[in-house]
Each structure stands twice: as C-alpha cells, then as structure tokens.
N, C-alpha and C. Protein backbone atom coordinates (compact mmCIF):
# COMPACT_ATOMS: atom_id res chain seq x y z
N ALA A 1 51.37 25.71 16.42
CA ALA A 1 50.91 27.02 15.97
C ALA A 1 51.60 27.41 14.67
N LEU A 2 52.89 27.13 14.58
CA LEU A 2 53.62 27.49 13.37
C LEU A 2 53.07 26.74 12.16
N ILE A 3 52.70 25.49 12.35
CA ILE A 3 52.15 24.70 11.24
C ILE A 3 50.85 25.34 10.76
N GLY A 4 50.01 25.76 11.70
CA GLY A 4 48.77 26.43 11.33
C GLY A 4 49.03 27.72 10.59
N LEU A 5 50.03 28.48 11.04
CA LEU A 5 50.38 29.72 10.37
C LEU A 5 50.84 29.45 8.95
N VAL A 6 51.69 28.47 8.77
CA VAL A 6 52.19 28.14 7.45
C VAL A 6 51.03 27.78 6.53
N ARG A 7 50.11 26.94 7.02
CA ARG A 7 48.96 26.57 6.21
C ARG A 7 48.12 27.80 5.86
N ASP A 8 47.85 28.65 6.85
CA ASP A 8 47.04 29.85 6.61
C ASP A 8 47.70 30.78 5.61
N LEU A 9 49.00 30.99 5.74
CA LEU A 9 49.68 31.88 4.82
C LEU A 9 49.71 31.32 3.40
N ARG A 10 49.88 30.01 3.29
CA ARG A 10 49.87 29.41 1.96
C ARG A 10 48.50 29.55 1.29
N THR A 11 47.45 29.33 2.05
CA THR A 11 46.12 29.46 1.47
C THR A 11 45.75 30.91 1.20
N SER A 12 46.42 31.84 1.85
CA SER A 12 46.13 33.25 1.59
C SER A 12 46.88 33.74 0.36
N ARG A 13 47.69 32.90 -0.20
CA ARG A 13 48.40 33.18 -1.45
C ARG A 13 49.44 34.28 -1.36
N VAL A 14 50.16 34.34 -0.25
CA VAL A 14 51.26 35.28 -0.14
C VAL A 14 52.50 34.65 -0.74
N SER A 15 53.50 35.46 -0.97
CA SER A 15 54.72 34.97 -1.59
C SER A 15 55.51 34.07 -0.65
N ALA A 16 56.35 33.24 -1.21
CA ALA A 16 57.20 32.35 -0.42
C ALA A 16 58.17 33.16 0.44
N GLU A 17 58.66 34.25 -0.09
CA GLU A 17 59.58 35.11 0.67
C GLU A 17 58.88 35.71 1.89
N PHE A 18 57.65 36.17 1.70
CA PHE A 18 56.87 36.72 2.81
C PHE A 18 56.63 35.64 3.85
N LEU A 19 56.27 34.47 3.40
CA LEU A 19 56.05 33.33 4.31
C LEU A 19 57.30 33.03 5.12
N ALA A 20 58.45 33.03 4.48
CA ALA A 20 59.71 32.76 5.18
C ALA A 20 60.01 33.85 6.21
N ASP A 21 59.80 35.10 5.85
CA ASP A 21 60.05 36.20 6.78
C ASP A 21 59.18 36.08 8.03
N VAL A 22 57.90 35.81 7.83
CA VAL A 22 56.99 35.70 8.97
C VAL A 22 57.33 34.45 9.80
N SER A 23 57.60 33.35 9.14
CA SER A 23 57.93 32.11 9.85
C SER A 23 59.18 32.28 10.71
N ASN A 24 60.17 32.97 10.20
CA ASN A 24 61.40 33.20 10.96
C ASN A 24 61.17 34.09 12.18
N ALA A 25 60.26 35.03 12.07
CA ALA A 25 59.99 35.96 13.17
C ALA A 25 59.05 35.38 14.21
N LEU A 26 58.27 34.38 13.83
CA LEU A 26 57.25 33.84 14.74
C LEU A 26 57.85 32.72 15.59
N THR A 27 58.42 33.12 16.70
CA THR A 27 59.03 32.17 17.62
C THR A 27 57.97 31.68 18.61
N PRO A 28 58.26 30.59 19.33
CA PRO A 28 57.29 30.08 20.31
C PRO A 28 56.81 31.17 21.27
N GLY A 29 55.51 31.18 21.51
CA GLY A 29 54.94 32.17 22.41
C GLY A 29 54.47 33.44 21.72
N LYS A 30 54.78 33.57 20.43
CA LYS A 30 54.34 34.74 19.67
C LYS A 30 53.12 34.35 18.84
N TYR A 31 52.36 35.35 18.46
CA TYR A 31 51.14 35.13 17.68
C TYR A 31 51.19 35.95 16.41
N ALA A 32 50.38 35.54 15.45
CA ALA A 32 50.29 36.27 14.19
C ALA A 32 48.85 36.66 13.92
N VAL A 33 48.69 37.83 13.36
CA VAL A 33 47.40 38.29 12.87
C VAL A 33 47.61 38.59 11.40
N ILE A 34 46.80 37.97 10.57
CA ILE A 34 46.92 38.18 9.14
C ILE A 34 45.70 38.98 8.69
N ALA A 35 45.95 40.08 8.00
CA ALA A 35 44.86 40.94 7.58
C ALA A 35 45.12 41.47 6.17
N ASP A 36 44.06 41.64 5.45
CA ASP A 36 44.11 42.26 4.14
C ASP A 36 43.62 43.69 4.34
N VAL A 37 44.57 44.63 4.37
CA VAL A 37 44.26 46.00 4.75
C VAL A 37 44.66 46.96 3.63
N ASP A 38 43.79 47.90 3.37
CA ASP A 38 44.09 48.97 2.41
C ASP A 38 44.51 50.19 3.23
N GLU A 39 45.79 50.51 3.22
CA GLU A 39 46.32 51.59 4.05
C GLU A 39 46.72 52.77 3.17
N GLU A 40 46.36 53.95 3.66
CA GLU A 40 46.85 55.17 3.02
C GLU A 40 48.17 55.59 3.65
N TRP A 41 48.36 55.20 4.92
CA TRP A 41 49.53 55.60 5.66
C TRP A 41 49.90 54.48 6.62
N VAL A 42 51.14 54.00 6.60
CA VAL A 42 51.55 52.85 7.40
C VAL A 42 52.01 53.23 8.81
N THR A 43 52.36 54.48 9.03
CA THR A 43 52.93 54.90 10.30
C THR A 43 52.04 54.62 11.52
N PRO A 44 50.73 54.89 11.47
CA PRO A 44 49.92 54.63 12.68
C PRO A 44 49.96 53.16 13.13
N VAL A 45 49.84 52.24 12.20
CA VAL A 45 49.87 50.82 12.56
C VAL A 45 51.26 50.43 13.03
N ASP A 46 52.28 50.86 12.32
CA ASP A 46 53.66 50.53 12.71
C ASP A 46 53.97 51.05 14.11
N THR A 47 53.60 52.29 14.39
CA THR A 47 53.88 52.91 15.69
C THR A 47 53.18 52.15 16.81
N ARG A 48 51.91 51.83 16.61
CA ARG A 48 51.16 51.11 17.65
C ARG A 48 51.73 49.72 17.87
N MET A 49 52.02 49.01 16.79
CA MET A 49 52.56 47.65 16.93
C MET A 49 53.93 47.68 17.61
N GLU A 50 54.77 48.63 17.27
CA GLU A 50 56.08 48.74 17.92
C GLU A 50 55.93 49.00 19.41
N SER A 51 54.93 49.80 19.80
CA SER A 51 54.75 50.14 21.21
C SER A 51 54.34 48.94 22.06
N ILE A 52 53.78 47.92 21.43
CA ILE A 52 53.39 46.72 22.17
C ILE A 52 54.31 45.54 21.84
N GLY A 53 55.43 45.83 21.21
CA GLY A 53 56.42 44.80 20.91
C GLY A 53 56.12 43.99 19.66
N GLY A 54 55.24 44.49 18.84
CA GLY A 54 54.86 43.77 17.62
C GLY A 54 55.70 44.14 16.42
N VAL A 55 55.57 43.34 15.39
CA VAL A 55 56.27 43.55 14.13
C VAL A 55 55.24 43.48 13.02
N VAL A 56 55.34 44.38 12.07
CA VAL A 56 54.40 44.40 10.95
C VAL A 56 55.14 43.93 9.69
N PHE A 57 54.55 42.97 8.99
CA PHE A 57 55.05 42.51 7.70
C PHE A 57 54.02 42.89 6.66
N ARG A 58 54.48 43.46 5.57
CA ARG A 58 53.56 43.84 4.49
C ARG A 58 54.06 43.25 3.19
N THR A 59 53.10 43.02 2.31
CA THR A 59 53.44 42.62 0.95
C THR A 59 52.43 43.27 0.02
N LEU A 60 52.87 43.65 -1.13
CA LEU A 60 51.97 44.23 -2.12
C LEU A 60 51.09 43.14 -2.73
N LYS A 61 49.85 43.46 -2.95
CA LYS A 61 48.95 42.48 -3.57
C LYS A 61 49.47 42.05 -4.93
N SER A 62 50.06 42.98 -5.66
CA SER A 62 50.55 42.64 -7.00
C SER A 62 51.65 41.59 -6.93
N VAL A 63 52.50 41.66 -5.91
CA VAL A 63 53.57 40.67 -5.73
C VAL A 63 52.96 39.31 -5.39
N ALA A 64 52.00 39.31 -4.48
CA ALA A 64 51.34 38.06 -4.09
C ALA A 64 50.61 37.45 -5.28
N GLU A 65 49.95 38.28 -6.07
CA GLU A 65 49.24 37.77 -7.25
C GLU A 65 50.21 37.20 -8.28
N ASP A 66 51.34 37.87 -8.49
CA ASP A 66 52.35 37.36 -9.42
C ASP A 66 52.85 35.99 -8.96
N ASP A 67 53.14 35.86 -7.67
CA ASP A 67 53.60 34.59 -7.12
C ASP A 67 52.53 33.51 -7.27
N ARG A 68 51.27 33.89 -7.04
CA ARG A 68 50.16 32.93 -7.19
C ARG A 68 50.08 32.43 -8.63
N ARG A 69 50.21 33.35 -9.59
CA ARG A 69 50.14 32.94 -11.00
C ARG A 69 51.30 32.01 -11.37
N VAL A 70 52.48 32.29 -10.85
CA VAL A 70 53.64 31.43 -11.11
C VAL A 70 53.40 30.03 -10.54
N ARG A 71 52.89 29.96 -9.29
CA ARG A 71 52.62 28.65 -8.67
C ARG A 71 51.55 27.89 -9.46
N GLU A 72 50.49 28.59 -9.85
CA GLU A 72 49.43 27.92 -10.59
C GLU A 72 49.91 27.42 -11.94
N ALA A 73 50.75 28.19 -12.62
CA ALA A 73 51.29 27.76 -13.90
C ALA A 73 52.17 26.52 -13.72
N ALA A 74 52.96 26.50 -12.66
CA ALA A 74 53.81 25.33 -12.38
C ALA A 74 52.95 24.10 -12.08
N GLU A 75 51.87 24.30 -11.33
CA GLU A 75 50.95 23.18 -11.03
C GLU A 75 50.32 22.65 -12.31
N ARG A 76 49.91 23.55 -13.20
CA ARG A 76 49.32 23.11 -14.48
C ARG A 76 50.33 22.36 -15.34
N ARG A 77 51.57 22.85 -15.36
CA ARG A 77 52.61 22.15 -16.14
C ARG A 77 52.86 20.76 -15.57
N ALA A 78 52.91 20.65 -14.24
CA ALA A 78 53.14 19.35 -13.61
C ALA A 78 51.99 18.40 -13.91
N GLU A 79 50.77 18.90 -13.88
CA GLU A 79 49.61 18.06 -14.19
C GLU A 79 49.65 17.61 -15.64
N LEU A 80 50.01 18.51 -16.54
CA LEU A 80 50.11 18.15 -17.96
C LEU A 80 51.21 17.12 -18.18
N ASP A 81 52.34 17.29 -17.52
CA ASP A 81 53.43 16.32 -17.64
C ASP A 81 52.99 14.94 -17.15
N GLN A 82 52.22 14.91 -16.05
CA GLN A 82 51.71 13.66 -15.51
C GLN A 82 50.76 13.00 -16.50
N LEU A 83 49.87 13.79 -17.07
CA LEU A 83 48.93 13.26 -18.07
C LEU A 83 49.68 12.69 -19.28
N LYS A 84 50.70 13.39 -19.72
CA LYS A 84 51.48 12.91 -20.87
C LYS A 84 52.20 11.61 -20.54
N ALA A 85 52.72 11.50 -19.32
CA ALA A 85 53.40 10.27 -18.91
C ALA A 85 52.41 9.11 -18.85
N GLU A 86 51.21 9.35 -18.32
CA GLU A 86 50.19 8.30 -18.29
C GLU A 86 49.75 7.94 -19.70
N HIS A 87 49.61 8.96 -20.55
CA HIS A 87 49.19 8.73 -21.94
C HIS A 87 50.17 7.83 -22.66
N ALA A 88 51.47 8.03 -22.41
CA ALA A 88 52.50 7.23 -23.07
C ALA A 88 52.40 5.75 -22.70
N LYS A 89 51.85 5.44 -21.53
CA LYS A 89 51.75 4.05 -21.07
C LYS A 89 50.36 3.45 -21.28
N ALA A 90 49.39 4.30 -21.58
CA ALA A 90 48.00 3.84 -21.67
C ALA A 90 47.72 3.11 -22.98
N ARG A 91 46.61 2.39 -22.98
CA ARG A 91 46.17 1.63 -24.15
C ARG A 91 44.70 1.94 -24.44
N GLY A 92 44.34 1.84 -25.69
CA GLY A 92 42.94 1.88 -26.12
C GLY A 92 42.16 3.09 -25.66
N ASP A 93 40.97 2.80 -25.09
CA ASP A 93 40.03 3.83 -24.69
C ASP A 93 40.65 4.80 -23.67
N ARG A 94 41.44 4.27 -22.76
CA ARG A 94 42.06 5.12 -21.74
C ARG A 94 43.02 6.12 -22.37
N LYS A 95 43.74 5.69 -23.39
CA LYS A 95 44.67 6.57 -24.10
C LYS A 95 43.91 7.72 -24.75
N ALA A 96 42.77 7.43 -25.36
CA ALA A 96 41.94 8.47 -25.99
C ALA A 96 41.40 9.45 -24.95
N LYS A 97 40.98 8.96 -23.79
CA LYS A 97 40.47 9.84 -22.75
C LYS A 97 41.57 10.76 -22.21
N LEU A 98 42.76 10.21 -22.04
CA LEU A 98 43.88 11.03 -21.58
C LEU A 98 44.24 12.07 -22.62
N GLN A 99 44.21 11.69 -23.90
CA GLN A 99 44.51 12.64 -24.97
C GLN A 99 43.52 13.80 -24.96
N ALA A 100 42.24 13.49 -24.71
CA ALA A 100 41.22 14.52 -24.64
C ALA A 100 41.51 15.51 -23.50
N LYS A 101 42.01 15.01 -22.38
CA LYS A 101 42.35 15.88 -21.26
C LYS A 101 43.56 16.74 -21.60
N ILE A 102 44.51 16.16 -22.33
CA ILE A 102 45.71 16.89 -22.71
C ILE A 102 45.37 18.02 -23.67
N ASP A 103 44.48 17.71 -24.62
CA ASP A 103 44.08 18.72 -25.60
C ASP A 103 43.25 19.80 -24.95
C-alpha cells in the first residue's frame, strides 16, 4: 500500500517534503485519501478527521507547482547532459542528429 501511495503522490506532483510527511504518518493498517480541494475554511475538515482519528496534510498548490518546475528543469538538464555526452562520442550522421536535438 505504501508503494502505491508513493507512486500516486509522485504523479500528483506534490512536494518531496509533503510526500515524506505523509509517508511517515502512513503506518500499516492506515489509509490515505488524496484530494485536490479548494477550502475557504479548514476547521470543519480538521475537526471531523480528528474525531475519527484521522490526520489532514495540506500543501499549497503554488508550493507543489514550484517543486514540479524544479524537478522538470532538473530532468531537462539531465537529458541535455546525456545528449551532450552521446554527441561527444558519436560520429557522422548520428552526431548531426544529436546536435539538432541539443539545439
């Protein structure tokens, strides 16, 4: 179950810190519900969840989006570095095709 949660949280593009907090709290026998909710007031949900032994984790969309942009930029840099490394070893037509991808 934890592996599924980790996969779901990663694909939902939440921050690594949020993922760690939820993963640490989700012990065997516990369940997670992930929702994208626009709340005007957090008290009703918090009060209800506390009454049934639940815990609420929240993250701002702006924080999650910032983390997503950082991850995507790192992925692009890694891909570009890989292309440059292949380009350095390539010959002829393959070198030109790699250069086109780099540009």
